[in-house]
Amino acid sequence: MGGMEQAAEDFTGRLGVRIRDGRRHGTFVLAVTGELDHDTAAPLKEALASHLTAERIVVDCSELDFCDSTGLNVLLRTRLRMAEGGGRLDLAGLRPPVDRMFEITGARSVFRVYADAAAALADAPAAEEA
């Protein structure tokens, strides 16, 4: 993948966010690592806010160990804001503990969820409208 990569980390060092250009114009991948909760959500909020006008954001959760309701709400709010502007927020690589939280809250059904970031990037942005 070409393009720039930026990194951000929360003050506790428990959450990392790396941003890179996707393969398609207007697509960004945010790779989230560690634990996403009330105390660590700020870097993700900032990264998502700075890319709200993108056509598509893929949040790569393959290295996300934990996500609480704060993290879930950050993703849900961003998804709605992007949809209002014609954009899309997708998830990739949900690990079992994080996937379970999305499943039991019903939030999994409102996102497009892919096995990994590569699978998400291979999918055309306009494909399979829900």
Protein backbone atom coordinates (compact mmCIF):
# COMPACT_ATOMS: atom_id res chain seq x y z
CA MET A 1 0.00 0.00 0.00
CA GLY A 2 1.25 3.38 -0.85
CA GLY A 3 0.68 6.64 0.87
CA MET A 4 1.36 8.10 4.21
CA GLU A 5 1.06 6.51 7.61
CA GLN A 6 0.43 8.37 10.84
CA ALA A 7 0.44 7.03 14.38
CA ALA A 8 -1.19 8.11 17.62
CA GLU A 9 -1.14 6.60 21.08
CA ASP A 10 -3.14 7.36 24.18
CA PHE A 11 -1.49 8.72 27.31
CA THR A 12 -1.51 5.34 29.07
CA GLY A 13 0.11 3.50 26.18
CA ARG A 14 -2.75 0.98 26.09
CA LEU A 15 -4.15 2.02 22.69
CA GLY A 16 -2.39 2.63 19.42
CA VAL A 17 -3.92 3.97 16.21
CA ARG A 18 -2.12 3.85 12.87
CA ILE A 19 -3.65 5.54 9.84
CA ARG A 20 -2.76 4.67 6.28
CA ASP A 21 -4.17 5.25 2.83
CA GLY A 22 -6.18 2.40 1.40
CA ARG A 23 -5.69 1.09 -2.11
CA ARG A 24 -8.53 3.23 -3.43
CA HIS A 25 -8.73 7.00 -3.46
CA GLY A 26 -10.75 8.24 -0.49
CA THR A 27 -10.26 5.08 1.60
CA PHE A 28 -8.29 5.03 4.83
CA VAL A 29 -7.38 2.15 7.13
CA LEU A 30 -7.17 2.80 10.86
CA ALA A 31 -5.33 -0.04 12.58
CA VAL A 32 -6.29 -0.09 16.26
CA THR A 33 -4.15 -1.99 18.77
CA GLY A 34 -4.50 -2.67 22.48
CA GLU A 35 -7.47 -1.72 24.64
CA LEU A 36 -10.24 0.68 23.60
CA ASP A 37 -12.15 2.04 26.57
CA HIS A 38 -13.22 5.26 28.29
CA ASP A 39 -9.64 6.14 29.28
CA THR A 40 -8.05 5.40 25.90
CA ALA A 41 -10.63 6.41 23.27
CA ALA A 42 -9.27 9.92 22.53
CA PRO A 43 -6.70 8.94 19.84
CA LEU A 44 -9.31 6.93 17.95
CA LYS A 45 -11.87 9.74 18.21
CA GLU A 46 -9.29 12.20 16.85
CA ALA A 47 -8.22 9.92 14.00
CA LEU A 48 -11.81 9.25 12.99
CA ALA A 49 -12.78 12.93 13.24
CA SER A 50 -9.89 13.95 10.99
CA HIS A 51 -11.09 11.53 8.28
CA LEU A 52 -14.88 12.06 8.44
CA THR A 53 -14.98 13.38 4.87
CA ALA A 54 -13.36 10.21 3.49
CA GLU A 55 -15.42 8.00 1.23
CA ARG A 56 -14.58 5.04 3.44
CA ILE A 57 -12.75 4.17 6.63
CA VAL A 58 -11.83 0.58 7.43
CA VAL A 59 -11.11 0.09 11.13
CA ASP A 60 -8.69 -2.83 11.39
CA CYS A 61 -9.35 -4.46 14.78
CA SER A 62 -7.07 -7.47 14.29
CA GLU A 63 -4.82 -6.30 17.14
CA LEU A 64 -7.59 -4.89 19.35
CA ASP A 65 -7.74 -6.93 22.57
CA PHE A 66 -10.65 -5.17 24.28
CA CYS A 67 -13.45 -2.73 23.44
CA ASP A 68 -16.00 -1.41 25.92
CA SER A 69 -19.21 0.56 25.37
CA THR A 70 -17.25 3.82 24.97
CA GLY A 71 -15.32 2.39 22.04
CA LEU A 72 -18.47 0.92 20.56
CA ASN A 73 -20.23 4.29 20.80
CA VAL A 74 -17.30 6.09 19.15
CA LEU A 75 -17.55 3.72 16.19
CA LEU A 76 -21.36 3.88 15.99
CA ARG A 77 -21.43 7.70 16.11
CA THR A 78 -18.73 7.94 13.46
CA ARG A 79 -20.59 5.47 11.25
CA LEU A 80 -23.72 7.61 11.43
CA ARG A 81 -21.85 10.85 10.74
CA MET A 82 -20.08 9.32 7.76
CA ALA A 83 -23.33 7.87 6.38
CA GLU A 84 -24.92 11.33 6.53
CA GLY A 85 -22.15 12.56 4.23
CA GLY A 86 -22.32 9.53 1.92
CA GLY A 87 -19.33 7.77 3.47
CA ARG A 88 -18.89 4.38 5.03
CA LEU A 89 -17.19 2.96 8.13
CA ASP A 90 -16.37 -0.75 8.03
CA LEU A 91 -14.73 -3.12 10.50
CA ALA A 92 -12.13 -5.78 9.84
CA GLY A 93 -10.43 -8.51 11.84
CA LEU A 94 -12.67 -8.62 14.90
CA ARG A 95 -11.07 -10.92 17.46
CA PRO A 96 -13.38 -13.18 19.53
CA PRO A 97 -13.68 -11.01 22.69
CA VAL A 98 -14.37 -7.85 20.66
CA ASP A 99 -16.59 -9.66 18.16
CA ARG A 100 -18.67 -11.09 21.02
CA MET A 101 -19.31 -7.61 22.44
CA PHE A 102 -20.44 -6.38 19.00
CA GLU A 103 -22.62 -9.47 18.58
CA ILE A 104 -24.40 -9.36 21.96
CA THR A 105 -25.13 -5.63 21.66
CA GLY A 106 -26.51 -6.03 18.14
CA ALA A 107 -23.97 -3.53 16.81
CA ARG A 108 -22.36 -6.12 14.54
CA SER A 109 -25.41 -6.07 12.30
CA VAL A 110 -25.07 -2.36 11.48
CA PHE A 111 -21.45 -2.60 10.28
CA ARG A 112 -19.94 -4.40 7.35
CA VAL A 113 -17.48 -6.77 9.00
CA TYR A 114 -14.62 -8.38 7.08
CA ALA A 115 -12.20 -11.16 8.03
CA ASP A 116 -9.25 -8.77 7.69
CA ALA A 117 -8.25 -5.42 6.21
CA ALA A 118 -7.15 -7.00 2.93
CA ALA A 119 -10.62 -8.50 2.43
CA ALA A 120 -12.23 -5.15 3.22
CA LEU A 121 -10.00 -3.33 0.75
CA ALA A 122 -10.73 -5.93 -1.94
CA ASP A 123 -14.45 -5.17 -1.63
CA ALA A 124 -15.69 -2.35 -3.85
CA PRO A 125 -16.99 0.57 -1.73
CA ALA A 126 -20.44 0.52 -3.35
CA ALA A 127 -20.89 -3.26 -3.14
CA GLU A 128 -23.57 -5.02 -1.13
CA GLU A 129 -25.54 -2.06 0.26
CA ALA A 130 -27.36 -3.09 3.43
